[in-house]
Amino acid sequence: MNRREWLKCMSMLAAGAVAAPSLLAVFDVHAAAQSSNAGIPFFSKPQNDLMTAVVDIIIPRSDTPGAVDAGVPRFIDLMFRDVYTKEEQQNYVHALAAFEEKSGKAFLQLDAVQRKALVAKLHHEALAQSKEIDPVSAPAFVLTTKKLTMLGYFMSQPGCTQVLQYVAVPGAYHADIPLSQAGNGRAWAVETELTI
């Protein structure tokens, strides 16, 4: 092992030590979201209904289950209740209120086309603002909801087994196979970009 390989290994160990508690918390929340008794919810009923409507726009039901079918709203609720700091919780709740104000009238009273247009508009604003985004703004609400939706969905059973490739017990190694036979066009990747 040369010096470069050793440094690479040590930096990976250090990164793993820093990230491990956060990853364990996310896995604990995901496990809790799958159980029937998750305790007192973080969001009020109107807040949860609004967040659920946005989650449904981000990953709707198609030939595979959508994010709502996979239990993502409950996952997001538990993430805010059990993982996020008080400041992050307050920022998200304020951003949710700012989002509701942006819709002119109650978001849930808008028709499906208006809802999707508003979410798409705010998503584009969030991407344009990038790192300078105000954490209590409507675009921040959409971006945070999108990130948590994708995390929860691709950790769920439908996300892992019906959208991504899944092999419960991997089989033999097959080299030099045509690309068309390598996963039926579905990705193993954890990095995913979703356009609304």
N, C-alpha and C. Protein backbone atom coordinates (compact mmCIF):
# COMPACT_ATOMS: atom_id res chain seq x y z
N MET A 1 0.87 -1.18 0.00
CA MET A 1 0.00 0.00 0.00
C MET A 1 0.91 1.24 0.00
N ASN A 2 0.69 2.10 -0.95
CA ASN A 2 1.49 3.32 -0.99
C ASN A 2 0.82 4.41 -0.16
N ARG A 3 1.51 5.53 -0.05
CA ARG A 3 1.03 6.64 0.78
C ARG A 3 -0.32 7.17 0.30
N ARG A 4 -0.50 7.30 -1.00
CA ARG A 4 -1.75 7.82 -1.56
C ARG A 4 -2.93 6.92 -1.21
N GLU A 5 -2.76 5.60 -1.34
CA GLU A 5 -3.84 4.66 -0.99
C GLU A 5 -4.15 4.73 0.50
N TRP A 6 -3.11 4.86 1.32
CA TRP A 6 -3.31 4.92 2.76
C TRP A 6 -4.11 6.17 3.13
N LEU A 7 -3.73 7.33 2.55
CA LEU A 7 -4.45 8.58 2.83
C LEU A 7 -5.91 8.49 2.36
N LYS A 8 -6.11 7.87 1.23
CA LYS A 8 -7.47 7.70 0.71
C LYS A 8 -8.31 6.87 1.67
N CYS A 9 -7.74 5.77 2.16
CA CYS A 9 -8.46 4.90 3.10
C CYS A 9 -8.76 5.64 4.41
N MET A 10 -7.78 6.38 4.91
CA MET A 10 -7.98 7.10 6.18
C MET A 10 -9.04 8.19 6.04
N SER A 11 -9.05 8.89 4.90
CA SER A 11 -10.06 9.92 4.71
C SER A 11 -11.45 9.31 4.60
N MET A 12 -11.56 8.14 3.98
CA MET A 12 -12.86 7.47 3.90
C MET A 12 -13.33 7.03 5.28
N LEU A 13 -12.40 6.56 6.11
CA LEU A 13 -12.76 6.17 7.48
C LEU A 13 -13.24 7.38 8.29
N ALA A 14 -12.54 8.50 8.13
CA ALA A 14 -12.93 9.71 8.86
C ALA A 14 -14.30 10.19 8.41
N ALA A 15 -14.55 10.19 7.10
CA ALA A 15 -15.86 10.60 6.59
C ALA A 15 -16.95 9.67 7.10
N GLY A 16 -16.67 8.37 7.14
CA GLY A 16 -17.64 7.41 7.64
C GLY A 16 -17.96 7.63 9.11
N ALA A 17 -16.94 7.96 9.90
CA ALA A 17 -17.16 8.21 11.33
C ALA A 17 -18.03 9.43 11.55
N VAL A 18 -17.86 10.45 10.72
CA VAL A 18 -18.67 11.67 10.85
C VAL A 18 -20.10 11.43 10.38
N ALA A 19 -20.27 10.70 9.27
CA ALA A 19 -21.59 10.52 8.67
C ALA A 19 -22.41 9.40 9.33
N ALA A 20 -21.77 8.49 10.03
CA ALA A 20 -22.47 7.32 10.57
C ALA A 20 -23.65 7.67 11.48
N PRO A 21 -23.49 8.57 12.46
CA PRO A 21 -24.65 8.87 13.32
C PRO A 21 -25.84 9.41 12.54
N SER A 22 -25.59 10.27 11.56
CA SER A 22 -26.69 10.81 10.75
C SER A 22 -27.37 9.72 9.96
N LEU A 23 -26.58 8.85 9.35
CA LEU A 23 -27.16 7.75 8.58
C LEU A 23 -27.97 6.81 9.46
N LEU A 24 -27.46 6.52 10.65
CA LEU A 24 -28.20 5.65 11.57
C LEU A 24 -29.53 6.29 11.98
N ALA A 25 -29.53 7.59 12.20
CA ALA A 25 -30.78 8.28 12.55
C ALA A 25 -31.79 8.18 11.42
N VAL A 26 -31.33 8.34 10.18
CA VAL A 26 -32.23 8.23 9.03
C VAL A 26 -32.80 6.82 8.93
N PHE A 27 -31.95 5.81 9.13
CA PHE A 27 -32.43 4.42 9.06
C PHE A 27 -33.42 4.13 10.19
N ASP A 28 -33.18 4.69 11.37
CA ASP A 28 -34.12 4.51 12.49
C ASP A 28 -35.47 5.13 12.17
N VAL A 29 -35.44 6.32 11.59
CA VAL A 29 -36.70 6.99 11.22
C VAL A 29 -37.43 6.19 10.16
N HIS A 30 -36.70 5.67 9.18
CA HIS A 30 -37.34 4.86 8.14
C HIS A 30 -37.99 3.63 8.74
N ALA A 31 -37.31 2.97 9.67
CA ALA A 31 -37.89 1.79 10.33
C ALA A 31 -39.14 2.18 11.12
N ALA A 32 -39.10 3.32 11.80
CA ALA A 32 -40.26 3.78 12.57
C ALA A 32 -41.42 4.11 11.66
N ALA A 33 -41.13 4.66 10.47
CA ALA A 33 -42.20 5.02 9.53
C ALA A 33 -42.93 3.78 9.03
N GLN A 34 -42.26 2.63 9.04
CA GLN A 34 -42.87 1.39 8.59
C GLN A 34 -43.74 0.75 9.66
N SER A 35 -43.54 1.12 10.92
CA SER A 35 -44.34 0.54 12.00
C SER A 35 -45.65 1.30 12.14
N SER A 36 -46.61 0.69 12.81
CA SER A 36 -47.94 1.29 12.91
C SER A 36 -48.07 2.30 14.05
N ASN A 37 -47.20 2.23 15.04
CA ASN A 37 -47.32 3.14 16.18
C ASN A 37 -46.09 4.05 16.24
N ALA A 38 -46.13 5.13 15.50
CA ALA A 38 -44.99 6.03 15.42
C ALA A 38 -45.06 7.17 16.44
N GLY A 39 -46.10 7.24 17.23
CA GLY A 39 -46.20 8.28 18.25
C GLY A 39 -46.90 9.53 17.74
N ILE A 40 -46.72 10.61 18.48
CA ILE A 40 -47.38 11.88 18.17
C ILE A 40 -46.76 12.49 16.92
N PRO A 41 -47.58 12.88 15.94
CA PRO A 41 -47.02 13.48 14.72
C PRO A 41 -46.45 14.87 14.99
N PHE A 42 -45.47 15.26 14.17
CA PHE A 42 -44.87 16.58 14.28
C PHE A 42 -45.77 17.65 13.66
N PHE A 43 -46.32 17.36 12.49
CA PHE A 43 -47.13 18.34 11.76
C PHE A 43 -48.58 18.29 12.20
N SER A 44 -49.24 19.44 12.15
CA SER A 44 -50.68 19.48 12.38
C SER A 44 -51.37 18.86 11.16
N LYS A 45 -52.64 18.57 11.26
CA LYS A 45 -53.37 17.96 10.14
C LYS A 45 -53.33 18.83 8.88
N PRO A 46 -53.61 20.16 8.97
CA PRO A 46 -53.53 20.98 7.75
C PRO A 46 -52.12 21.03 7.14
N GLN A 47 -51.10 21.10 8.01
CA GLN A 47 -49.72 21.11 7.52
C GLN A 47 -49.39 19.79 6.83
N ASN A 48 -49.82 18.69 7.44
CA ASN A 48 -49.56 17.38 6.87
C ASN A 48 -50.28 17.21 5.53
N ASP A 49 -51.51 17.68 5.44
CA ASP A 49 -52.26 17.58 4.19
C ASP A 49 -51.58 18.35 3.06
N LEU A 50 -51.09 19.56 3.38
CA LEU A 50 -50.40 20.37 2.38
C LEU A 50 -49.10 19.69 1.94
N MET A 51 -48.31 19.23 2.91
CA MET A 51 -47.04 18.56 2.61
C MET A 51 -47.30 17.29 1.80
N THR A 52 -48.33 16.55 2.12
CA THR A 52 -48.68 15.33 1.38
C THR A 52 -49.04 15.65 -0.06
N ALA A 53 -49.76 16.75 -0.28
CA ALA A 53 -50.12 17.14 -1.64
C ALA A 53 -48.87 17.47 -2.46
N VAL A 54 -47.90 18.12 -1.84
CA VAL A 54 -46.64 18.45 -2.55
C VAL A 54 -45.84 17.18 -2.82
N VAL A 55 -45.80 16.29 -1.86
CA VAL A 55 -45.10 15.00 -2.04
C VAL A 55 -45.71 14.23 -3.21
N ASP A 56 -47.03 14.27 -3.32
CA ASP A 56 -47.71 13.56 -4.41
C ASP A 56 -47.39 14.18 -5.77
N ILE A 57 -47.12 15.47 -5.81
CA ILE A 57 -46.72 16.12 -7.07
C ILE A 57 -45.29 15.71 -7.43
N ILE A 58 -44.43 15.59 -6.44
CA ILE A 58 -43.01 15.28 -6.70
C ILE A 58 -42.84 13.87 -7.26
N ILE A 59 -43.45 12.88 -6.62
CA ILE A 59 -43.41 11.50 -7.14
C ILE A 59 -44.84 10.96 -7.13
N PRO A 60 -45.57 11.19 -8.23
CA PRO A 60 -46.96 10.72 -8.29
C PRO A 60 -47.03 9.23 -8.61
N ARG A 61 -48.20 8.69 -8.41
CA ARG A 61 -48.44 7.29 -8.76
C ARG A 61 -48.45 7.17 -10.28
N SER A 62 -47.81 6.13 -10.79
CA SER A 62 -47.82 5.84 -12.23
C SER A 62 -47.99 4.33 -12.36
N ASP A 63 -47.17 3.68 -13.17
CA ASP A 63 -47.23 2.23 -13.21
C ASP A 63 -46.56 1.62 -11.98
N THR A 64 -45.92 2.46 -11.18
CA THR A 64 -45.37 2.06 -9.88
C THR A 64 -46.03 2.90 -8.80
N PRO A 65 -46.00 2.47 -7.55
CA PRO A 65 -46.60 3.26 -6.48
C PRO A 65 -45.92 4.63 -6.36
N GLY A 66 -46.70 5.62 -5.97
CA GLY A 66 -46.16 6.96 -5.77
C GLY A 66 -45.58 7.11 -4.37
N ALA A 67 -45.08 8.31 -4.08
CA ALA A 67 -44.47 8.57 -2.78
C ALA A 67 -45.48 8.48 -1.64
N VAL A 68 -46.71 8.91 -1.88
CA VAL A 68 -47.74 8.82 -0.84
C VAL A 68 -48.05 7.36 -0.55
N ASP A 69 -48.11 6.53 -1.60
CA ASP A 69 -48.35 5.09 -1.42
C ASP A 69 -47.23 4.43 -0.60
N ALA A 70 -46.01 4.95 -0.76
CA ALA A 70 -44.86 4.38 -0.07
C ALA A 70 -44.71 4.89 1.36
N GLY A 71 -45.59 5.78 1.81
CA GLY A 71 -45.54 6.28 3.18
C GLY A 71 -44.55 7.41 3.41
N VAL A 72 -44.19 8.12 2.36
CA VAL A 72 -43.20 9.20 2.47
C VAL A 72 -43.66 10.34 3.38
N PRO A 73 -44.94 10.77 3.35
CA PRO A 73 -45.34 11.85 4.28
C PRO A 73 -45.08 11.49 5.75
N ARG A 74 -45.33 10.28 6.09
CA ARG A 74 -45.07 9.84 7.47
C ARG A 74 -43.57 9.85 7.76
N PHE A 75 -42.78 9.43 6.78
CA PHE A 75 -41.32 9.46 6.91
C PHE A 75 -40.84 10.90 7.15
N ILE A 76 -41.36 11.85 6.38
CA ILE A 76 -40.95 13.26 6.53
C ILE A 76 -41.36 13.77 7.91
N ASP A 77 -42.56 13.42 8.35
CA ASP A 77 -43.02 13.83 9.68
C ASP A 77 -42.07 13.32 10.75
N LEU A 78 -41.69 12.06 10.66
CA LEU A 78 -40.79 11.48 11.66
C LEU A 78 -39.38 12.07 11.57
N MET A 79 -38.93 12.39 10.38
CA MET A 79 -37.61 13.03 10.24
C MET A 79 -37.60 14.36 10.99
N PHE A 80 -38.65 15.16 10.82
CA PHE A 80 -38.68 16.44 11.52
C PHE A 80 -38.87 16.26 13.01
N ARG A 81 -39.64 15.29 13.41
CA ARG A 81 -39.87 15.08 14.83
C ARG A 81 -38.63 14.54 15.55
N ASP A 82 -37.93 13.59 14.90
CA ASP A 82 -36.87 12.86 15.60
C ASP A 82 -35.44 13.21 15.20
N VAL A 83 -35.22 13.80 14.03
CA VAL A 83 -33.86 13.99 13.54
C VAL A 83 -33.46 15.46 13.46
N TYR A 84 -34.33 16.30 12.95
CA TYR A 84 -33.97 17.70 12.71
C TYR A 84 -33.91 18.49 14.01
N THR A 85 -33.07 19.54 14.01
CA THR A 85 -32.94 20.41 15.17
C THR A 85 -34.17 21.31 15.28
N LYS A 86 -34.32 21.95 16.43
CA LYS A 86 -35.44 22.87 16.64
C LYS A 86 -35.42 23.99 15.61
N GLU A 87 -34.24 24.52 15.31
CA GLU A 87 -34.14 25.60 14.33
C GLU A 87 -34.58 25.12 12.94
N GLU A 88 -34.14 23.92 12.55
CA GLU A 88 -34.54 23.38 11.24
C GLU A 88 -36.04 23.11 11.19
N GLN A 89 -36.59 22.64 12.30
CA GLN A 89 -38.04 22.41 12.38
C GLN A 89 -38.80 23.73 12.18
N GLN A 90 -38.37 24.76 12.90
CA GLN A 90 -39.05 26.05 12.79
C GLN A 90 -38.90 26.64 11.39
N ASN A 91 -37.71 26.51 10.81
CA ASN A 91 -37.50 27.03 9.45
C ASN A 91 -38.46 26.36 8.46
N TYR A 92 -38.62 25.04 8.59
CA TYR A 92 -39.48 24.32 7.65
C TYR A 92 -40.95 24.72 7.84
N VAL A 93 -41.38 24.85 9.07
CA VAL A 93 -42.77 25.24 9.34
C VAL A 93 -43.03 26.66 8.80
N HIS A 94 -42.06 27.57 8.98
CA HIS A 94 -42.21 28.93 8.44
C HIS A 94 -42.19 28.90 6.91
N ALA A 95 -41.34 28.06 6.34
CA ALA A 95 -41.28 27.93 4.87
C ALA A 95 -42.59 27.35 4.34
N LEU A 96 -43.17 26.41 5.07
CA LEU A 96 -44.46 25.85 4.68
C LEU A 96 -45.53 26.94 4.67
N ALA A 97 -45.52 27.81 5.68
CA ALA A 97 -46.48 28.92 5.73
C ALA A 97 -46.24 29.89 4.58
N ALA A 98 -44.98 30.15 4.25
CA ALA A 98 -44.66 31.03 3.12
C ALA A 98 -45.15 30.41 1.81
N PHE A 99 -45.03 29.10 1.70
CA PHE A 99 -45.52 28.40 0.51
C PHE A 99 -47.03 28.55 0.38
N GLU A 100 -47.73 28.40 1.48
CA GLU A 100 -49.20 28.55 1.48
C GLU A 100 -49.60 29.96 1.05
N GLU A 101 -48.84 30.96 1.49
CA GLU A 101 -49.13 32.35 1.10
C GLU A 101 -48.89 32.58 -0.39
N LYS A 102 -47.88 31.91 -0.96
CA LYS A 102 -47.56 32.08 -2.38
C LYS A 102 -48.68 31.60 -3.28
N SER A 103 -49.47 30.65 -2.79
CA SER A 103 -50.52 30.09 -3.64
C SER A 103 -51.72 31.03 -3.79
N GLY A 104 -51.75 32.14 -3.07
CA GLY A 104 -52.85 33.09 -3.20
C GLY A 104 -54.04 32.70 -2.33
N LYS A 105 -54.58 31.53 -2.57
CA LYS A 105 -55.60 30.97 -1.69
C LYS A 105 -55.06 29.65 -1.17
N ALA A 106 -55.84 28.95 -0.39
CA ALA A 106 -55.35 27.68 0.18
C ALA A 106 -54.87 26.75 -0.94
N PHE A 107 -53.66 26.23 -0.80
CA PHE A 107 -53.05 25.38 -1.82
C PHE A 107 -53.95 24.21 -2.19
N LEU A 108 -54.59 23.63 -1.20
CA LEU A 108 -55.44 22.46 -1.45
C LEU A 108 -56.72 22.81 -2.20
N GLN A 109 -57.03 24.11 -2.30
CA GLN A 109 -58.21 24.53 -3.07
C GLN A 109 -57.87 24.79 -4.54
N LEU A 110 -56.59 24.78 -4.87
CA LEU A 110 -56.18 24.94 -6.27
C LEU A 110 -56.44 23.65 -7.01
N ASP A 111 -56.64 23.74 -8.33
CA ASP A 111 -56.79 22.50 -9.10
C ASP A 111 -55.41 21.89 -9.35
N ALA A 112 -55.38 20.68 -9.87
CA ALA A 112 -54.13 19.92 -10.02
C ALA A 112 -53.12 20.64 -10.90
N VAL A 113 -53.57 21.28 -11.97
CA VAL A 113 -52.67 21.98 -12.88
C VAL A 113 -52.04 23.18 -12.17
N GLN A 114 -52.83 23.94 -11.42
CA GLN A 114 -52.31 25.10 -10.70
C GLN A 114 -51.32 24.67 -9.62
N ARG A 115 -51.62 23.59 -8.93
CA ARG A 115 -50.72 23.08 -7.89
C ARG A 115 -49.36 22.72 -8.48
N LYS A 116 -49.40 21.93 -9.55
CA LYS A 116 -48.15 21.50 -10.18
C LYS A 116 -47.36 22.68 -10.72
N ALA A 117 -48.05 23.66 -11.31
CA ALA A 117 -47.37 24.85 -11.85
C ALA A 117 -46.68 25.63 -10.74
N LEU A 118 -47.34 25.79 -9.60
CA LEU A 118 -46.75 26.52 -8.48
C LEU A 118 -45.53 25.80 -7.94
N VAL A 119 -45.64 24.49 -7.75
CA VAL A 119 -44.51 23.72 -7.23
C VAL A 119 -43.34 23.77 -8.21
N ALA A 120 -43.62 23.64 -9.50
CA ALA A 120 -42.55 23.69 -10.51
C ALA A 120 -41.88 25.07 -10.52
N LYS A 121 -42.67 26.13 -10.44
CA LYS A 121 -42.13 27.50 -10.44
C LYS A 121 -41.21 27.70 -9.24
N LEU A 122 -41.66 27.31 -8.07
CA LEU A 122 -40.86 27.49 -6.85
C LEU A 122 -39.63 26.59 -6.86
N HIS A 123 -39.75 25.42 -7.47
CA HIS A 123 -38.60 24.52 -7.60
C HIS A 123 -37.52 25.17 -8.46
N HIS A 124 -37.91 25.77 -9.57
CA HIS A 124 -36.95 26.45 -10.44
C HIS A 124 -36.31 27.65 -9.72
N GLU A 125 -37.10 28.37 -8.94
CA GLU A 125 -36.56 29.48 -8.15
C GLU A 125 -35.53 28.97 -7.15
N ALA A 126 -35.84 27.86 -6.50
CA ALA A 126 -34.92 27.30 -5.51
C ALA A 126 -33.61 26.90 -6.16
N LEU A 127 -33.67 26.27 -7.32
CA LEU A 127 -32.45 25.87 -8.01
C LEU A 127 -31.66 27.08 -8.47
N ALA A 128 -32.33 28.15 -8.87
CA ALA A 128 -31.65 29.36 -9.31
C ALA A 128 -30.95 30.06 -8.14
N GLN A 129 -31.57 30.02 -6.96
CA GLN A 129 -30.98 30.67 -5.79
C GLN A 129 -29.85 29.85 -5.20
N SER A 130 -29.89 28.55 -5.40
CA SER A 130 -28.86 27.60 -4.97
C SER A 130 -28.51 27.78 -3.49
N LYS A 131 -27.28 28.14 -3.21
CA LYS A 131 -26.81 28.20 -1.82
C LYS A 131 -27.29 29.45 -1.08
N GLU A 132 -27.79 30.44 -1.78
CA GLU A 132 -28.25 31.68 -1.15
C GLU A 132 -29.73 31.65 -0.83
N ILE A 133 -30.33 30.48 -0.82
CA ILE A 133 -31.76 30.38 -0.60
C ILE A 133 -32.10 30.69 0.87
N ASP A 134 -33.15 31.45 1.06
CA ASP A 134 -33.63 31.78 2.40
C ASP A 134 -34.32 30.53 2.97
N PRO A 135 -33.86 30.02 4.13
CA PRO A 135 -34.42 28.77 4.65
C PRO A 135 -35.89 28.83 5.07
N VAL A 136 -36.45 30.03 5.15
CA VAL A 136 -37.87 30.14 5.53
C VAL A 136 -38.71 30.61 4.35
N SER A 137 -38.22 30.43 3.14
CA SER A 137 -38.95 30.86 1.95
C SER A 137 -39.73 29.69 1.34
N ALA A 138 -40.66 30.03 0.46
CA ALA A 138 -41.46 29.01 -0.23
C ALA A 138 -40.59 28.10 -1.10
N PRO A 139 -39.59 28.65 -1.85
CA PRO A 139 -38.72 27.74 -2.61
C PRO A 139 -37.94 26.76 -1.73
N ALA A 140 -37.55 27.22 -0.54
CA ALA A 140 -36.84 26.33 0.39
C ALA A 140 -37.74 25.18 0.83
N PHE A 141 -39.02 25.48 1.04
CA PHE A 141 -39.98 24.43 1.41
C PHE A 141 -40.06 23.37 0.32
N VAL A 142 -40.17 23.81 -0.94
CA VAL A 142 -40.28 22.86 -2.05
C VAL A 142 -39.01 22.03 -2.17
N LEU A 143 -37.85 22.67 -2.08
CA LEU A 143 -36.58 21.96 -2.23
C LEU A 143 -36.36 20.96 -1.10
N THR A 144 -36.63 21.35 0.13
CA THR A 144 -36.47 20.44 1.27
C THR A 144 -37.44 19.28 1.17
N THR A 145 -38.68 19.57 0.78
CA THR A 145 -39.68 18.51 0.63
C THR A 145 -39.25 17.54 -0.47
N LYS A 146 -38.70 18.06 -1.56
CA LYS A 146 -38.24 17.20 -2.65
C LYS A 146 -37.11 16.29 -2.17
N LYS A 147 -36.14 16.85 -1.46
CA LYS A 147 -35.01 16.05 -0.97
C LYS A 147 -35.50 14.92 -0.05
N LEU A 148 -36.38 15.27 0.88
CA LEU A 148 -36.89 14.26 1.82
C LEU A 148 -37.79 13.25 1.12
N THR A 149 -38.54 13.69 0.13
CA THR A 149 -39.40 12.78 -0.63
C THR A 149 -38.54 11.74 -1.35
N MET A 150 -37.51 12.19 -2.00
CA MET A 150 -36.65 11.26 -2.74
C MET A 150 -35.92 10.31 -1.79
N LEU A 151 -35.44 10.84 -0.66
CA LEU A 151 -34.77 9.98 0.32
C LEU A 151 -35.73 8.92 0.84
N GLY A 152 -36.90 9.35 1.28
CA GLY A 152 -37.87 8.39 1.82
C GLY A 152 -38.36 7.40 0.79
N TYR A 153 -38.60 7.87 -0.44
CA TYR A 153 -39.14 6.99 -1.47
C TYR A 153 -38.13 5.92 -1.88
N PHE A 154 -36.89 6.32 -2.08
CA PHE A 154 -35.91 5.33 -2.53
C PHE A 154 -35.35 4.49 -1.40
N MET A 155 -35.81 4.73 -0.15
CA MET A 155 -35.53 3.83 0.96
C MET A 155 -36.72 2.91 1.22
N SER A 156 -37.85 3.19 0.60
CA SER A 156 -39.06 2.39 0.83
C SER A 156 -39.01 1.11 -0.01
N GLN A 157 -39.86 0.17 0.34
CA GLN A 157 -39.91 -1.08 -0.41
C GLN A 157 -40.30 -0.85 -1.87
N PRO A 158 -41.35 -0.07 -2.17
CA PRO A 158 -41.67 0.14 -3.59
C PRO A 158 -40.54 0.84 -4.35
N GLY A 159 -39.91 1.81 -3.72
CA GLY A 159 -38.82 2.53 -4.37
C GLY A 159 -37.64 1.63 -4.67
N CYS A 160 -37.31 0.77 -3.72
CA CYS A 160 -36.15 -0.12 -3.89
C CYS A 160 -36.44 -1.30 -4.81
N THR A 161 -37.63 -1.86 -4.72
CA THR A 161 -37.89 -3.10 -5.44
C THR A 161 -38.64 -2.93 -6.76
N GLN A 162 -39.43 -1.85 -6.90
CA GLN A 162 -40.22 -1.69 -8.12
C GLN A 162 -39.68 -0.61 -9.05
N VAL A 163 -38.93 0.35 -8.51
CA VAL A 163 -38.40 1.43 -9.34
C VAL A 163 -36.92 1.18 -9.63
N LEU A 164 -36.16 0.87 -8.60
CA LEU A 164 -34.76 0.53 -8.78
C LEU A 164 -34.62 -0.98 -8.94
N GLN A 165 -33.45 -1.41 -9.33
CA GLN A 165 -33.20 -2.86 -9.42
C GLN A 165 -33.10 -3.44 -8.02
N TYR A 166 -33.52 -4.66 -7.88
CA TYR A 166 -33.43 -5.32 -6.58
C TYR A 166 -33.20 -6.80 -6.79
N VAL A 167 -32.18 -7.32 -6.16
CA VAL A 167 -31.92 -8.76 -6.16
C VAL A 167 -31.70 -9.13 -4.70
N ALA A 168 -32.64 -9.89 -4.13
CA ALA A 168 -32.55 -10.24 -2.71
C ALA A 168 -31.28 -11.01 -2.40
N VAL A 169 -30.95 -11.97 -3.24
CA VAL A 169 -29.72 -12.74 -3.10
C VAL A 169 -29.00 -12.67 -4.44
N PRO A 170 -27.98 -11.81 -4.54
CA PRO A 170 -27.31 -11.68 -5.83
C PRO A 170 -26.71 -13.01 -6.27
N GLY A 171 -26.75 -13.23 -7.56
CA GLY A 171 -26.27 -14.49 -8.11
C GLY A 171 -24.84 -14.42 -8.60
N ALA A 172 -24.58 -15.18 -9.62
CA ALA A 172 -23.23 -15.31 -10.15
C ALA A 172 -22.81 -14.05 -10.90
N TYR A 173 -21.51 -13.93 -11.09
CA TYR A 173 -20.94 -12.82 -11.85
C TYR A 173 -20.97 -13.17 -13.32
N HIS A 174 -21.52 -12.27 -14.14
CA HIS A 174 -21.56 -12.47 -15.58
C HIS A 174 -20.85 -11.29 -16.24
N ALA A 175 -19.72 -11.57 -16.85
CA ALA A 175 -18.96 -10.51 -17.51
C ALA A 175 -19.38 -10.37 -18.97
N ASP A 176 -19.15 -9.22 -19.53
CA ASP A 176 -19.37 -8.97 -20.95
C ASP A 176 -20.77 -9.33 -21.42
N ILE A 177 -21.76 -8.81 -20.74
CA ILE A 177 -23.14 -9.02 -21.20
C ILE A 177 -23.61 -7.74 -21.89
N PRO A 178 -24.55 -7.84 -22.80
CA PRO A 178 -25.07 -6.63 -23.44
C PRO A 178 -25.73 -5.72 -22.42
N LEU A 179 -25.62 -4.42 -22.65
CA LEU A 179 -26.18 -3.44 -21.72
C LEU A 179 -27.68 -3.64 -21.52
N SER A 180 -28.38 -4.09 -22.55
CA SER A 180 -29.82 -4.31 -22.44
C SER A 180 -30.17 -5.39 -21.42
N GLN A 181 -29.22 -6.28 -21.14
CA GLN A 181 -29.48 -7.34 -20.15
C GLN A 181 -29.05 -6.93 -18.75
N ALA A 182 -28.42 -5.80 -18.62
CA ALA A 182 -27.90 -5.35 -17.32
C ALA A 182 -28.92 -4.48 -16.60
N GLY A 183 -29.92 -5.08 -16.03
CA GLY A 183 -30.86 -4.36 -15.18
C GLY A 183 -32.11 -3.84 -15.83
N ASN A 184 -32.38 -4.25 -17.06
CA ASN A 184 -33.62 -3.85 -17.72
C ASN A 184 -33.82 -2.34 -17.74
N GLY A 185 -32.74 -1.59 -17.83
CA GLY A 185 -32.83 -0.14 -17.91
C GLY A 185 -33.07 0.57 -16.60
N ARG A 186 -33.13 -0.14 -15.49
CA ARG A 186 -33.35 0.48 -14.19
C ARG A 186 -32.02 0.65 -13.47
N ALA A 187 -31.91 1.70 -12.70
CA ALA A 187 -30.64 2.05 -12.06
C ALA A 187 -30.51 1.44 -10.69
N TRP A 188 -29.26 1.24 -10.29
CA TRP A 188 -28.94 0.86 -8.91
C TRP A 188 -28.60 2.13 -8.12
N ALA A 189 -28.44 3.23 -8.79
CA ALA A 189 -27.84 4.42 -8.21
C ALA A 189 -28.66 4.98 -7.06
N VAL A 190 -27.95 5.60 -6.10
CA VAL A 190 -28.62 6.30 -5.01
C VAL A 190 -28.76 7.78 -5.33
N GLU A 191 -27.96 8.29 -6.28
CA GLU A 191 -28.05 9.69 -6.68
C GLU A 191 -29.09 9.79 -7.79
N THR A 192 -30.13 10.53 -7.55
CA THR A 192 -31.21 10.64 -8.52
C THR A 192 -31.59 12.10 -8.64
N GLU A 193 -31.87 12.54 -9.85
CA GLU A 193 -32.37 13.90 -10.05
C GLU A 193 -33.78 13.80 -10.60
N LEU A 194 -34.67 14.50 -9.97
CA LEU A 194 -36.07 14.44 -10.35
C LEU A 194 -36.51 15.81 -10.85
N THR A 195 -37.08 15.84 -12.02
CA THR A 195 -37.63 17.10 -12.51
C THR A 195 -39.12 17.10 -12.27
N ILE A 196 -39.63 18.22 -11.86
CA ILE A 196 -41.06 18.32 -11.56
C ILE A 196 -41.77 18.83 -12.78
